Protein backbone atom coordinates (compact mmCIF):
# COMPACT_ATOMS: atom_id res chain seq x y z
CA UNK A 1 229.52 75.48 -62.09
CA UNK A 2 227.01 78.32 -61.78
CA UNK A 3 226.93 78.62 -65.57
CA UNK A 4 225.13 75.26 -65.68
CA UNK A 5 222.58 76.23 -63.03
CA UNK A 6 219.52 77.88 -64.50
CA UNK A 7 216.66 80.08 -63.43
CA UNK A 8 213.50 79.46 -65.46
CA UNK A 9 210.81 82.12 -65.42
CA UNK A 10 207.54 80.80 -64.02
CA UNK A 11 209.15 77.72 -62.47
CA UNK A 12 210.20 77.40 -58.82
CA UNK A 13 213.73 76.81 -57.59
CA UNK A 14 216.80 76.19 -59.72
CA UNK A 15 217.57 73.78 -62.54
CA UNK A 16 220.67 72.00 -63.72
CA UNK A 17 221.44 71.91 -67.44
CA UNK A 18 221.53 68.27 -68.58
CA UNK A 19 221.75 68.54 -72.36
CA UNK A 20 221.00 70.74 -75.35
CA UNK A 21 218.81 69.82 -78.31
CA UNK A 22 217.20 71.53 -81.27
CA UNK A 23 215.45 74.60 -79.86
CA UNK A 24 215.23 73.10 -76.39
CA UNK A 25 217.17 72.33 -73.24
CA UNK A 26 216.79 69.32 -70.98
CA UNK A 27 216.91 70.56 -67.41
CA UNK A 28 216.70 68.86 -64.00
CA UNK A 29 215.07 70.43 -60.97
CA UNK A 30 217.32 70.76 -57.92
CA UNK A 31 214.20 70.39 -55.78
CA UNK A 32 212.76 67.04 -56.91
CA UNK A 33 215.30 65.86 -59.57
CA UNK A 34 212.59 65.69 -62.23
CA UNK A 35 213.74 66.36 -65.78
CA UNK A 36 211.78 68.54 -68.16
CA UNK A 37 212.34 70.37 -71.45
CA UNK A 38 212.76 74.13 -71.64
CA UNK A 39 211.89 75.57 -75.03
CA UNK A 40 213.08 78.64 -76.89
CA UNK A 41 209.98 80.53 -75.75
CA UNK A 42 210.89 80.01 -72.08
CA UNK A 43 212.95 82.70 -70.35
CA UNK A 44 216.01 80.85 -69.10
CA UNK A 45 218.86 82.65 -67.33
CA UNK A 46 222.16 81.18 -66.21
CA UNK A 47 222.79 81.80 -62.52
CA UNK A 48 226.33 82.75 -63.45
CA UNK A 49 225.01 85.71 -65.47
CA UNK A 50 223.09 87.32 -62.60
CA UNK A 51 224.46 90.33 -60.76
CA UNK A 52 223.36 92.32 -57.70
CA UNK A 53 223.10 96.09 -57.62
CA UNK A 54 225.51 97.94 -55.34
CA UNK A 55 225.50 101.70 -54.74
CA UNK A 56 228.57 102.19 -56.92
CA UNK A 57 228.79 99.02 -59.00
CA UNK A 58 227.45 95.47 -59.37
CA UNK A 59 228.66 92.17 -57.91
CA UNK A 60 228.14 88.71 -59.32
CA UNK A 61 225.71 86.32 -57.68
CA UNK A 62 228.68 84.02 -57.08
CA UNK A 63 230.33 86.62 -54.85
CA UNK A 64 227.11 87.07 -52.90
CA UNK A 65 226.62 83.32 -52.39
CA UNK A 66 230.25 82.99 -51.31
CA UNK A 67 229.74 85.77 -48.76
CA UNK A 68 226.67 83.97 -47.37
CA UNK A 69 228.61 80.72 -47.21
CA UNK A 70 231.45 82.35 -45.27
CA UNK A 71 229.05 84.07 -42.86
CA UNK A 72 227.20 80.83 -42.15
CA UNK A 73 230.29 78.55 -42.15
CA UNK A 74 228.77 76.48 -44.98
CA UNK A 75 225.56 75.91 -43.01
CA UNK A 76 222.01 77.03 -43.73
CA UNK A 77 221.14 80.68 -43.23
CA UNK A 78 220.68 81.73 -39.64
CA UNK A 79 217.30 83.42 -40.11
CA UNK A 80 213.93 81.77 -40.62
CA UNK A 81 213.07 82.66 -44.21
CA UNK A 82 209.44 81.68 -43.76
CA UNK A 83 208.98 84.25 -40.97
CA UNK A 84 211.60 86.89 -41.81
CA UNK A 85 210.27 90.42 -42.19
CA UNK A 86 211.60 92.87 -44.83
CA UNK A 87 213.73 94.68 -42.24
CA UNK A 88 215.20 91.35 -41.09
CA UNK A 89 216.19 90.47 -44.64
CA UNK A 90 217.72 93.89 -45.29
CA UNK A 91 219.69 93.70 -42.03
CA UNK A 92 220.99 90.24 -42.92
CA UNK A 93 222.05 91.34 -46.40
CA UNK A 94 223.75 94.44 -44.99
CA UNK A 95 226.02 92.17 -42.95
CA UNK A 96 227.44 90.55 -46.07
CA UNK A 97 226.99 93.43 -48.54
CA UNK A 98 226.98 96.71 -46.59
CA UNK A 99 226.93 98.70 -49.81
CA UNK A 100 224.02 96.97 -51.56
CA UNK A 101 221.48 99.25 -53.22
CA UNK A 102 218.43 99.18 -50.95
CA UNK A 103 216.31 101.00 -53.53
CA UNK A 104 216.80 98.40 -56.25
CA UNK A 105 217.37 95.16 -54.33
CA UNK A 106 214.07 94.27 -52.70
CA UNK A 107 213.44 92.01 -49.68
CA UNK A 108 211.85 89.50 -52.07
CA UNK A 109 215.11 89.43 -54.04
CA UNK A 110 217.11 88.83 -50.88
CA UNK A 111 214.84 85.98 -49.80
CA UNK A 112 215.11 84.39 -53.25
CA UNK A 113 218.92 84.56 -53.17
CA UNK A 114 219.07 83.00 -49.69
CA UNK A 115 216.74 80.21 -50.83
CA UNK A 116 219.00 79.63 -53.83
CA UNK A 117 221.97 79.38 -51.48
CA UNK A 118 220.29 76.71 -49.33
CA UNK A 119 219.13 74.79 -52.41
CA UNK A 120 222.61 74.79 -53.93
CA UNK A 121 224.24 73.71 -50.67
CA UNK A 122 221.74 70.87 -50.23
CA UNK A 123 222.74 69.62 -53.69
CA UNK A 124 226.47 69.74 -52.84
CA UNK A 125 227.01 72.67 -55.19
CA UNK A 126 229.32 74.67 -52.97
CA UNK A 127 231.85 76.30 -55.30
CA UNK A 128 230.40 79.64 -56.32
CA UNK A 129 233.61 81.19 -57.66
CA UNK A 130 233.59 82.77 -61.10
CA UNK A 131 237.14 81.49 -61.63
CA UNK A 132 235.81 77.98 -62.04
CA UNK A 133 233.29 79.12 -64.66
CA UNK A 134 236.02 80.98 -66.55
CA UNK A 135 238.12 77.80 -66.67
CA UNK A 136 235.19 75.90 -68.12
CA UNK A 137 234.53 78.58 -70.71
CA UNK A 138 238.21 78.70 -71.67
CA UNK A 139 238.28 74.93 -71.99
CA UNK A 140 235.28 74.98 -74.34
CA UNK A 141 236.89 77.70 -76.46
CA UNK A 142 240.18 75.77 -76.64
CA UNK A 143 238.38 72.58 -77.65
CA UNK A 144 236.53 74.43 -80.39
CA UNK A 145 239.78 76.01 -81.59
CA UNK A 146 241.57 72.65 -81.66
CA UNK A 147 238.68 71.16 -83.63
CA UNK A 148 238.89 73.90 -86.27
CA UNK A 149 242.68 73.55 -86.51
CA UNK A 150 242.40 69.78 -86.88
CA UNK A 151 239.86 70.16 -89.68
CA UNK A 152 242.20 72.64 -91.39
CA UNK A 153 245.06 70.13 -91.24
CA UNK A 154 242.90 67.35 -92.68
CA UNK A 155 241.67 69.59 -95.51
CA UNK A 156 245.21 70.75 -96.30
CA UNK A 157 246.38 67.13 -96.55
CA UNK A 158 243.47 66.33 -98.86
CA UNK A 159 244.26 69.24 -101.17
CA UNK A 160 247.94 68.23 -101.23
CA UNK A 161 247.02 64.65 -102.12
CA UNK A 162 244.76 65.77 -104.95
CA UNK A 163 247.45 68.02 -106.36
CA UNK A 164 250.06 65.23 -106.15
CA UNK A 165 247.72 62.83 -107.94
CA UNK A 166 247.11 65.38 -110.68
CA UNK A 167 250.86 65.89 -111.14
CA UNK A 168 251.37 62.16 -111.56
CA UNK A 169 248.55 62.01 -114.10
CA UNK A 170 249.50 65.09 -116.09
CA UNK A 171 253.25 64.53 -116.00
CA UNK A 172 255.39 67.65 -116.22
CA UNK A 173 252.46 69.91 -116.98
CA UNK A 174 252.31 72.98 -114.77
CA UNK A 175 249.21 73.49 -112.69
CA UNK A 176 248.25 77.09 -113.34
CA UNK A 177 245.02 77.24 -111.41
CA UNK A 178 245.10 76.98 -107.66
CA UNK A 179 242.29 77.02 -105.21
CA UNK A 180 242.53 78.91 -101.96
CA UNK A 181 241.08 77.07 -99.04
CA UNK A 182 239.26 79.19 -96.53
CA UNK A 183 238.82 77.89 -93.01
CA UNK A 184 236.41 79.60 -90.73
CA UNK A 185 238.11 81.17 -87.75
CA UNK A 186 237.01 80.37 -84.24
CA UNK A 187 233.88 82.39 -83.57
CA UNK A 188 234.20 85.07 -80.98
CA UNK A 189 232.53 84.25 -77.69
CA UNK A 190 229.90 86.82 -77.00
CA UNK A 191 229.57 88.15 -73.49
CA UNK A 192 226.09 87.35 -72.22
CA UNK A 193 224.01 90.28 -71.26
CA UNK A 194 223.99 90.75 -67.52
CA UNK A 195 220.83 90.06 -65.62
CA UNK A 196 220.76 92.33 -62.61
CA UNK A 197 218.55 91.51 -59.66
CA UNK A 198 216.13 94.32 -58.97
CA UNK A 199 216.58 95.94 -62.41
CA UNK A 200 212.97 95.39 -63.51
CA UNK A 201 209.93 94.34 -61.59
CA UNK A 202 207.08 92.17 -62.79
CA UNK A 203 207.00 89.56 -65.55
């Protein structure tokens, strides 16, 4: 599910992917439900591709949101985000991610993540597991593979029919020239480049 939730640079909140067009996306704000286009020039990042710096590794945003959900028993966060001080935010985050990198994950990042959590929960988006995203991705790959295989079958039948018709027309003549049909293989799915919270500042 998080793969379809987008962060758009310069726009507040989160957006749900509605449809794809030529060089644009149609997205819907989770705040006011208004739909708007996002063009190729806009910096759009899937929430499912964001990670958080740890001291020894990185964790997906889904794991972080799940940890917040478990801490709060699926309720809103227990601190007032409008009044929380940097130390309050760091202390809160340390409860769910004791090993987070305090030098690269800023209080502003923590506040943003907690706001995302509340926004997602208010929109009944409560499954933050990566497993669900993997199933969706696998399903899309399988559908694409089946489509290619089906096209190959249709083309093979067409070639066979043409050859049979030629045999009937030419009689016992031997067909010496054959044409090899090439079917494009299923394109490899590229792994999106990770977007790590706190990696770069500004922009």
